[in-house]
Amino acid sequence: MTADSAKSIWDFPSPFVLYMTPKALDIDGLNHVNNAVYVQWCEQIGWAHSEQLGLCLDDYRRLDRAMAIRRGEYDYILPALLDDDLQLATWLTAGDGKLSMTRNFQLVRSSDNMTLMRGRWDLVCIELSSGKVRRMPSEFCEVYNAAVVSGGDIK
């Protein structure tokens, strides 16, 4: 789903958004959402966005290709707490149409529109059967390059 009606809170236009609510298992000894949970949520929304664009795990297997995380960065800005209503957004923000692309994330607390976390993945195309870096298949280029957004304003 997109959240164009709330563009002003987002770092980039036309986000793909999932709504999250932390549960007891997400909370750590400091009484906030554990940082590892944010990473899991980013993986969850990354797959959901890819599927919404038209590429799923079965396509990756059929093509013997995958976009693998080469580097992940996360800035934990404010804590998320039990039962907070959260919005996690993602975008594809760069792609060379050959080997690599970039995915960004932003987690916002709905009650006050505060950004709690920002993340970024640098992705590289690999051949699943060997794990080696390989050129993106045409299906990846067509789907992912068409979804790349620009005009971001990371605060």
N, C-alpha and C. Protein backbone atom coordinates (compact mmCIF):
# COMPACT_ATOMS: atom_id res chain seq x y z
N MET A 1 0.85 -1.17 0.00
CA MET A 1 0.00 0.00 0.00
C MET A 1 0.88 1.23 0.00
N THR A 2 0.41 2.30 -0.51
CA THR A 2 1.18 3.54 -0.50
C THR A 2 0.56 4.49 0.50
N ALA A 3 1.37 5.45 0.90
CA ALA A 3 0.91 6.42 1.90
C ALA A 3 1.14 7.84 1.38
N ASP A 4 0.69 8.10 0.16
CA ASP A 4 0.90 9.41 -0.43
C ASP A 4 0.25 10.53 0.36
N SER A 5 -0.82 10.21 1.09
CA SER A 5 -1.52 11.25 1.84
C SER A 5 -0.67 11.78 2.98
N ALA A 6 0.37 11.07 3.35
CA ALA A 6 1.23 11.51 4.46
C ALA A 6 2.65 11.76 3.97
N LYS A 7 2.81 12.21 2.75
CA LYS A 7 4.11 12.39 2.15
C LYS A 7 5.07 13.20 3.01
N SER A 8 4.58 14.21 3.67
CA SER A 8 5.46 15.13 4.37
C SER A 8 6.29 14.48 5.46
N ILE A 9 5.87 13.34 5.98
CA ILE A 9 6.67 12.69 7.03
C ILE A 9 7.75 11.79 6.45
N TRP A 10 7.69 11.52 5.15
CA TRP A 10 8.58 10.54 4.54
C TRP A 10 9.81 11.16 3.92
N ASP A 11 10.89 10.41 3.95
CA ASP A 11 12.16 10.86 3.37
C ASP A 11 12.13 10.86 1.85
N PHE A 12 11.33 10.00 1.25
CA PHE A 12 11.23 9.88 -0.20
C PHE A 12 9.76 9.84 -0.57
N PRO A 13 9.43 10.17 -1.83
CA PRO A 13 8.03 10.11 -2.26
C PRO A 13 7.55 8.68 -2.45
N SER A 14 6.25 8.51 -2.43
CA SER A 14 5.56 7.26 -2.76
C SER A 14 6.10 6.04 -2.01
N PRO A 15 6.05 6.06 -0.68
CA PRO A 15 6.55 4.91 0.07
C PRO A 15 5.65 3.69 -0.04
N PHE A 16 6.25 2.52 0.10
CA PHE A 16 5.51 1.29 0.32
C PHE A 16 5.52 1.12 1.83
N VAL A 17 4.34 0.97 2.44
CA VAL A 17 4.23 1.02 3.91
C VAL A 17 3.58 -0.24 4.46
N LEU A 18 4.14 -0.73 5.55
CA LEU A 18 3.51 -1.75 6.38
C LEU A 18 3.27 -1.15 7.75
N TYR A 19 2.16 -1.53 8.34
CA TYR A 19 1.82 -1.05 9.68
C TYR A 19 2.23 -2.11 10.69
N MET A 20 2.96 -1.69 11.70
CA MET A 20 3.52 -2.61 12.69
C MET A 20 3.05 -2.19 14.08
N THR A 21 2.90 -3.18 14.95
CA THR A 21 2.61 -2.94 16.36
C THR A 21 3.49 -3.88 17.18
N PRO A 22 4.47 -3.36 17.91
CA PRO A 22 5.35 -4.23 18.69
C PRO A 22 4.57 -5.05 19.72
N LYS A 23 4.96 -6.31 19.81
CA LYS A 23 4.38 -7.24 20.78
C LYS A 23 5.39 -7.51 21.89
N ALA A 24 4.97 -8.20 22.92
CA ALA A 24 5.83 -8.46 24.08
C ALA A 24 7.15 -9.13 23.69
N LEU A 25 7.12 -10.05 22.73
CA LEU A 25 8.35 -10.74 22.31
C LEU A 25 9.35 -9.81 21.63
N ASP A 26 8.89 -8.64 21.15
CA ASP A 26 9.77 -7.68 20.48
C ASP A 26 10.54 -6.80 21.47
N ILE A 27 10.11 -6.81 22.72
CA ILE A 27 10.65 -5.90 23.73
C ILE A 27 11.84 -6.55 24.42
N ASP A 28 12.91 -5.76 24.63
CA ASP A 28 14.11 -6.28 25.27
C ASP A 28 14.20 -5.84 26.73
N GLY A 29 15.32 -6.08 27.35
CA GLY A 29 15.52 -5.75 28.76
C GLY A 29 15.50 -4.27 29.07
N LEU A 30 15.60 -3.44 28.05
CA LEU A 30 15.54 -1.99 28.24
C LEU A 30 14.12 -1.46 28.04
N ASN A 31 13.16 -2.37 27.90
CA ASN A 31 11.74 -2.05 27.74
C ASN A 31 11.41 -1.29 26.46
N HIS A 32 12.20 -1.53 25.42
CA HIS A 32 11.83 -1.00 24.10
C HIS A 32 12.07 -2.09 23.06
N VAL A 33 11.63 -1.83 21.83
CA VAL A 33 11.81 -2.82 20.76
C VAL A 33 13.31 -3.04 20.56
N ASN A 34 13.69 -4.31 20.56
CA ASN A 34 15.08 -4.67 20.35
C ASN A 34 15.52 -4.30 18.94
N ASN A 35 16.74 -3.82 18.82
CA ASN A 35 17.24 -3.39 17.51
C ASN A 35 17.19 -4.50 16.46
N ALA A 36 17.38 -5.74 16.88
CA ALA A 36 17.33 -6.85 15.94
C ALA A 36 15.93 -7.01 15.32
N VAL A 37 14.91 -6.60 16.05
CA VAL A 37 13.54 -6.66 15.52
C VAL A 37 13.38 -5.71 14.35
N TYR A 38 13.99 -4.52 14.44
CA TYR A 38 13.93 -3.57 13.33
C TYR A 38 14.52 -4.21 12.06
N VAL A 39 15.62 -4.94 12.22
CA VAL A 39 16.25 -5.60 11.08
C VAL A 39 15.30 -6.63 10.48
N GLN A 40 14.63 -7.40 11.34
CA GLN A 40 13.65 -8.39 10.85
C GLN A 40 12.50 -7.70 10.13
N TRP A 41 12.04 -6.58 10.67
CA TRP A 41 10.96 -5.85 10.03
C TRP A 41 11.40 -5.34 8.65
N CYS A 42 12.65 -4.89 8.54
CA CYS A 42 13.14 -4.43 7.24
C CYS A 42 13.15 -5.57 6.24
N GLU A 43 13.55 -6.75 6.68
CA GLU A 43 13.51 -7.91 5.78
C GLU A 43 12.07 -8.21 5.37
N GLN A 44 11.16 -8.14 6.31
CA GLN A 44 9.74 -8.42 6.03
C GLN A 44 9.19 -7.44 5.00
N ILE A 45 9.45 -6.16 5.17
CA ILE A 45 8.89 -5.18 4.23
C ILE A 45 9.62 -5.24 2.89
N GLY A 46 10.91 -5.57 2.90
CA GLY A 46 11.63 -5.71 1.64
C GLY A 46 11.01 -6.78 0.76
N TRP A 47 10.71 -7.95 1.36
CA TRP A 47 10.05 -9.01 0.60
C TRP A 47 8.65 -8.61 0.18
N ALA A 48 7.90 -7.99 1.08
CA ALA A 48 6.53 -7.58 0.74
C ALA A 48 6.53 -6.59 -0.42
N HIS A 49 7.47 -5.66 -0.41
CA HIS A 49 7.56 -4.68 -1.49
C HIS A 49 7.93 -5.36 -2.81
N SER A 50 8.90 -6.26 -2.76
CA SER A 50 9.30 -6.98 -3.96
C SER A 50 8.12 -7.77 -4.54
N GLU A 51 7.37 -8.43 -3.66
CA GLU A 51 6.21 -9.18 -4.13
C GLU A 51 5.15 -8.27 -4.72
N GLN A 52 4.94 -7.11 -4.09
CA GLN A 52 3.97 -6.15 -4.62
C GLN A 52 4.40 -5.66 -6.00
N LEU A 53 5.70 -5.55 -6.21
CA LEU A 53 6.22 -5.12 -7.51
C LEU A 53 6.14 -6.22 -8.56
N GLY A 54 6.03 -7.48 -8.10
CA GLY A 54 5.86 -8.58 -9.04
C GLY A 54 6.97 -9.62 -9.03
N LEU A 55 7.89 -9.55 -8.08
CA LEU A 55 8.94 -10.56 -7.97
C LEU A 55 8.90 -11.20 -6.60
N CYS A 56 8.80 -12.53 -6.57
CA CYS A 56 8.74 -13.25 -5.30
C CYS A 56 9.89 -14.26 -5.22
N LEU A 57 9.96 -14.96 -4.12
CA LEU A 57 11.02 -15.94 -3.90
C LEU A 57 11.02 -17.02 -4.97
N ASP A 58 9.85 -17.44 -5.42
CA ASP A 58 9.78 -18.43 -6.50
C ASP A 58 10.42 -17.91 -7.78
N ASP A 59 10.25 -16.62 -8.07
CA ASP A 59 10.90 -16.03 -9.25
C ASP A 59 12.42 -16.04 -9.08
N TYR A 60 12.89 -15.70 -7.88
CA TYR A 60 14.33 -15.73 -7.62
C TYR A 60 14.88 -17.13 -7.88
N ARG A 61 14.19 -18.14 -7.39
CA ARG A 61 14.65 -19.53 -7.59
C ARG A 61 14.61 -19.91 -9.07
N ARG A 62 13.53 -19.55 -9.74
CA ARG A 62 13.39 -19.88 -11.16
C ARG A 62 14.50 -19.24 -11.99
N LEU A 63 14.86 -18.02 -11.65
CA LEU A 63 15.89 -17.28 -12.39
C LEU A 63 17.30 -17.56 -11.89
N ASP A 64 17.42 -18.28 -10.78
CA ASP A 64 18.71 -18.56 -10.15
C ASP A 64 19.46 -17.26 -9.83
N ARG A 65 18.70 -16.27 -9.41
CA ARG A 65 19.28 -14.96 -9.05
C ARG A 65 18.56 -14.43 -7.81
N ALA A 66 19.27 -13.59 -7.08
CA ALA A 66 18.68 -12.94 -5.91
C ALA A 66 19.40 -11.63 -5.67
N MET A 67 18.70 -10.70 -5.05
CA MET A 67 19.32 -9.47 -4.59
C MET A 67 19.71 -9.70 -3.14
N ALA A 68 20.99 -9.76 -2.89
CA ALA A 68 21.52 -10.06 -1.56
C ALA A 68 22.05 -8.77 -0.91
N ILE A 69 21.92 -8.70 0.39
CA ILE A 69 22.41 -7.53 1.12
C ILE A 69 23.92 -7.59 1.19
N ARG A 70 24.57 -6.58 0.61
CA ARG A 70 26.02 -6.45 0.69
C ARG A 70 26.40 -5.65 1.93
N ARG A 71 25.58 -4.67 2.24
CA ARG A 71 25.82 -3.81 3.40
C ARG A 71 24.49 -3.33 3.93
N GLY A 72 24.32 -3.36 5.24
CA GLY A 72 23.13 -2.84 5.88
C GLY A 72 23.53 -1.81 6.93
N GLU A 73 22.85 -0.67 6.92
CA GLU A 73 23.08 0.39 7.91
C GLU A 73 21.75 0.74 8.56
N TYR A 74 21.79 0.93 9.87
CA TYR A 74 20.58 1.29 10.61
C TYR A 74 20.92 2.40 11.59
N ASP A 75 20.14 3.45 11.57
CA ASP A 75 20.27 4.53 12.55
C ASP A 75 19.06 4.45 13.46
N TYR A 76 19.31 4.11 14.72
CA TYR A 76 18.26 3.98 15.72
C TYR A 76 18.14 5.33 16.41
N ILE A 77 17.07 6.05 16.13
CA ILE A 77 16.93 7.44 16.54
C ILE A 77 16.17 7.57 17.85
N LEU A 78 15.02 6.92 17.94
CA LEU A 78 14.17 6.93 19.13
C LEU A 78 13.63 5.53 19.37
N PRO A 79 13.31 5.18 20.61
CA PRO A 79 12.80 3.84 20.87
C PRO A 79 11.33 3.67 20.47
N ALA A 80 11.01 2.46 20.06
CA ALA A 80 9.62 2.06 19.88
C ALA A 80 9.25 1.23 21.10
N LEU A 81 8.01 1.38 21.56
CA LEU A 81 7.57 0.73 22.79
C LEU A 81 6.44 -0.26 22.50
N LEU A 82 6.17 -1.09 23.46
CA LEU A 82 5.10 -2.07 23.37
C LEU A 82 3.80 -1.39 22.93
N ASP A 83 3.15 -1.96 21.94
CA ASP A 83 1.84 -1.54 21.43
C ASP A 83 1.85 -0.19 20.70
N ASP A 84 3.03 0.40 20.43
CA ASP A 84 3.06 1.61 19.59
C ASP A 84 2.48 1.28 18.22
N ASP A 85 1.76 2.21 17.63
CA ASP A 85 1.32 2.08 16.24
C ASP A 85 2.43 2.67 15.37
N LEU A 86 3.01 1.84 14.52
CA LEU A 86 4.16 2.24 13.72
C LEU A 86 3.87 2.06 12.24
N GLN A 87 4.56 2.86 11.44
CA GLN A 87 4.52 2.73 9.99
C GLN A 87 5.95 2.53 9.51
N LEU A 88 6.19 1.43 8.83
CA LEU A 88 7.51 1.16 8.27
C LEU A 88 7.41 1.31 6.76
N ALA A 89 8.25 2.18 6.21
CA ALA A 89 8.23 2.47 4.78
C ALA A 89 9.53 2.00 4.13
N THR A 90 9.43 1.67 2.86
CA THR A 90 10.62 1.32 2.09
C THR A 90 10.52 1.88 0.68
N TRP A 91 11.69 2.06 0.09
CA TRP A 91 11.81 2.52 -1.29
C TRP A 91 13.05 1.90 -1.91
N LEU A 92 13.02 1.71 -3.19
CA LEU A 92 14.24 1.48 -3.96
C LEU A 92 14.69 2.86 -4.40
N THR A 93 15.93 3.23 -4.05
CA THR A 93 16.38 4.60 -4.27
C THR A 93 17.52 4.71 -5.28
N ALA A 94 18.06 3.59 -5.71
CA ALA A 94 19.11 3.61 -6.73
C ALA A 94 19.22 2.23 -7.33
N GLY A 95 19.66 2.19 -8.56
CA GLY A 95 19.90 0.91 -9.23
C GLY A 95 20.70 1.15 -10.49
N ASP A 96 21.73 0.34 -10.69
CA ASP A 96 22.56 0.53 -11.87
C ASP A 96 22.09 -0.29 -13.07
N GLY A 97 21.05 -1.15 -12.86
CA GLY A 97 20.54 -1.96 -13.95
C GLY A 97 21.48 -3.08 -14.36
N LYS A 98 22.52 -3.29 -13.58
CA LYS A 98 23.50 -4.34 -13.90
C LYS A 98 23.69 -5.28 -12.72
N LEU A 99 24.21 -4.74 -11.61
CA LEU A 99 24.57 -5.58 -10.47
C LEU A 99 23.95 -5.14 -9.16
N SER A 100 23.70 -3.85 -8.99
CA SER A 100 23.38 -3.37 -7.65
C SER A 100 22.18 -2.44 -7.61
N MET A 101 21.64 -2.32 -6.39
CA MET A 101 20.59 -1.36 -6.12
C MET A 101 20.61 -1.01 -4.64
N THR A 102 19.88 0.02 -4.28
CA THR A 102 19.82 0.49 -2.90
C THR A 102 18.38 0.54 -2.46
N ARG A 103 18.14 0.06 -1.23
CA ARG A 103 16.82 0.10 -0.62
C ARG A 103 16.94 0.90 0.67
N ASN A 104 16.03 1.85 0.86
CA ASN A 104 15.98 2.65 2.10
C ASN A 104 14.74 2.30 2.89
N PHE A 105 14.83 2.55 4.21
CA PHE A 105 13.75 2.28 5.15
C PHE A 105 13.57 3.48 6.07
N GLN A 106 12.36 3.65 6.56
CA GLN A 106 12.06 4.67 7.57
C GLN A 106 10.92 4.15 8.44
N LEU A 107 11.13 4.17 9.74
CA LEU A 107 10.11 3.73 10.70
C LEU A 107 9.60 4.96 11.43
N VAL A 108 8.27 5.16 11.40
CA VAL A 108 7.64 6.34 11.98
C VAL A 108 6.59 5.90 13.00
N ARG A 109 6.56 6.59 14.13
CA ARG A 109 5.51 6.37 15.13
C ARG A 109 4.29 7.18 14.71
N SER A 110 3.15 6.53 14.57
CA SER A 110 1.95 7.17 14.04
C SER A 110 1.41 8.28 14.93
N SER A 111 1.54 8.15 16.23
CA SER A 111 0.92 9.12 17.14
C SER A 111 1.51 10.52 17.03
N ASP A 112 2.79 10.62 16.68
CA ASP A 112 3.42 11.95 16.60
C ASP A 112 4.26 12.14 15.34
N ASN A 113 4.23 11.17 14.43
CA ASN A 113 4.98 11.22 13.17
C ASN A 113 6.48 11.37 13.37
N MET A 114 6.99 10.91 14.49
CA MET A 114 8.42 10.95 14.74
C MET A 114 9.10 9.76 14.07
N THR A 115 10.23 10.03 13.43
CA THR A 115 11.02 8.96 12.84
C THR A 115 11.83 8.28 13.94
N LEU A 116 11.68 6.96 14.03
CA LEU A 116 12.37 6.19 15.06
C LEU A 116 13.63 5.52 14.53
N MET A 117 13.63 5.17 13.26
CA MET A 117 14.75 4.46 12.67
C MET A 117 14.81 4.76 11.18
N ARG A 118 16.04 4.83 10.67
CA ARG A 118 16.27 4.87 9.23
C ARG A 118 17.26 3.77 8.90
N GLY A 119 17.07 3.17 7.75
CA GLY A 119 17.98 2.12 7.33
C GLY A 119 18.25 2.18 5.85
N ARG A 120 19.30 1.49 5.48
CA ARG A 120 19.69 1.45 4.06
C ARG A 120 20.37 0.11 3.81
N TRP A 121 20.00 -0.50 2.71
CA TRP A 121 20.69 -1.70 2.25
C TRP A 121 21.32 -1.42 0.90
N ASP A 122 22.57 -1.80 0.76
CA ASP A 122 23.21 -1.87 -0.55
C ASP A 122 23.10 -3.33 -0.98
N LEU A 123 22.45 -3.56 -2.09
CA LEU A 123 22.15 -4.91 -2.57
C LEU A 123 22.95 -5.22 -3.82
N VAL A 124 23.30 -6.48 -3.97
CA VAL A 124 24.01 -6.94 -5.16
C VAL A 124 23.33 -8.20 -5.67
N CYS A 125 23.30 -8.34 -6.97
CA CYS A 125 22.68 -9.52 -7.57
C CYS A 125 23.66 -10.69 -7.51
N ILE A 126 23.15 -11.82 -7.02
CA ILE A 126 23.96 -13.03 -6.96
C ILE A 126 23.25 -14.16 -7.69
N GLU A 127 24.05 -15.13 -8.11
CA GLU A 127 23.53 -16.38 -8.63
C GLU A 127 23.29 -17.29 -7.43
N LEU A 128 22.06 -17.73 -7.25
CA LEU A 128 21.74 -18.55 -6.07
C LEU A 128 22.55 -19.84 -6.02
N SER A 129 22.74 -20.48 -7.15
CA SER A 129 23.40 -21.78 -7.17
C SER A 129 24.88 -21.72 -6.80
N SER A 130 25.52 -20.57 -7.01
CA SER A 130 26.95 -20.46 -6.71
C SER A 130 27.27 -19.43 -5.64
N GLY A 131 26.35 -18.48 -5.41
CA GLY A 131 26.62 -17.40 -4.47
C GLY A 131 27.48 -16.29 -5.07
N LYS A 132 27.83 -16.41 -6.34
CA LYS A 132 28.69 -15.42 -6.99
C LYS A 132 27.88 -14.25 -7.53
N VAL A 133 28.53 -13.10 -7.55
CA VAL A 133 27.91 -11.90 -8.12
C VAL A 133 27.69 -12.13 -9.61
N ARG A 134 26.47 -11.84 -10.04
CA ARG A 134 26.10 -12.00 -11.46
C ARG A 134 25.22 -10.83 -11.88
N ARG A 135 25.19 -10.59 -13.16
CA ARG A 135 24.35 -9.54 -13.73
C ARG A 135 22.87 -9.83 -13.43
N MET A 136 22.11 -8.76 -13.20
CA MET A 136 20.67 -8.90 -12.97
C MET A 136 19.99 -9.43 -14.23
N PRO A 137 19.06 -10.36 -14.06
CA PRO A 137 18.27 -10.78 -15.23
C PRO A 137 17.35 -9.64 -15.68
N SER A 138 16.89 -9.72 -16.90
CA SER A 138 16.06 -8.64 -17.45
C SER A 138 14.81 -8.41 -16.61
N GLU A 139 14.23 -9.48 -16.04
CA GLU A 139 13.03 -9.31 -15.20
C GLU A 139 13.33 -8.41 -13.99
N PHE A 140 14.50 -8.57 -13.39
CA PHE A 140 14.87 -7.72 -12.25
C PHE A 140 14.98 -6.27 -12.70
N CYS A 141 15.69 -6.07 -13.82
CA CYS A 141 15.89 -4.70 -14.31
C CYS A 141 14.56 -4.02 -14.60
N GLU A 142 13.68 -4.74 -15.29
CA GLU A 142 12.39 -4.16 -15.65
C GLU A 142 11.56 -3.78 -14.43
N VAL A 143 11.49 -4.68 -13.46
CA VAL A 143 10.65 -4.46 -12.29
C VAL A 143 11.29 -3.47 -11.32
N TYR A 144 12.52 -3.72 -10.94
CA TYR A 144 13.15 -2.92 -9.90
C TYR A 144 13.53 -1.51 -10.38
N ASN A 145 14.08 -1.40 -11.59
CA ASN A 145 14.47 -0.07 -12.06
C ASN A 145 13.26 0.84 -12.23
N ALA A 146 12.12 0.27 -12.62
CA ALA A 146 10.90 1.07 -12.76
C ALA A 146 10.41 1.60 -11.42
N ALA A 147 10.81 0.95 -10.32
CA ALA A 147 10.33 1.34 -8.99
C ALA A 147 11.26 2.31 -8.26
N VAL A 148 12.42 2.59 -8.84
CA VAL A 148 13.38 3.48 -8.17
C VAL A 148 12.79 4.88 -8.08
N VAL A 149 12.83 5.45 -6.86
CA VAL A 149 12.35 6.81 -6.64
C VAL A 149 13.56 7.73 -6.45
N SER A 150 13.32 8.99 -6.73
CA SER A 150 14.35 10.00 -6.49
C SER A 150 13.71 11.16 -5.75
N GLY A 151 14.48 12.15 -5.47
CA GLY A 151 13.93 13.32 -4.80
C GLY A 151 13.81 13.17 -3.32
N GLY A 152 14.63 12.31 -2.74
CA GLY A 152 14.59 12.12 -1.31
C GLY A 152 15.12 13.31 -0.55
N ASP A 153 14.66 13.43 0.68
CA ASP A 153 15.09 14.52 1.56
C ASP A 153 15.32 13.92 2.95
N ILE A 154 16.41 13.14 3.06
CA ILE A 154 16.69 12.50 4.34
C ILE A 154 17.11 13.56 5.33
N LYS A 155 16.37 13.59 6.44
CA LYS A 155 16.57 14.62 7.46
C LYS A 155 17.65 14.23 8.43
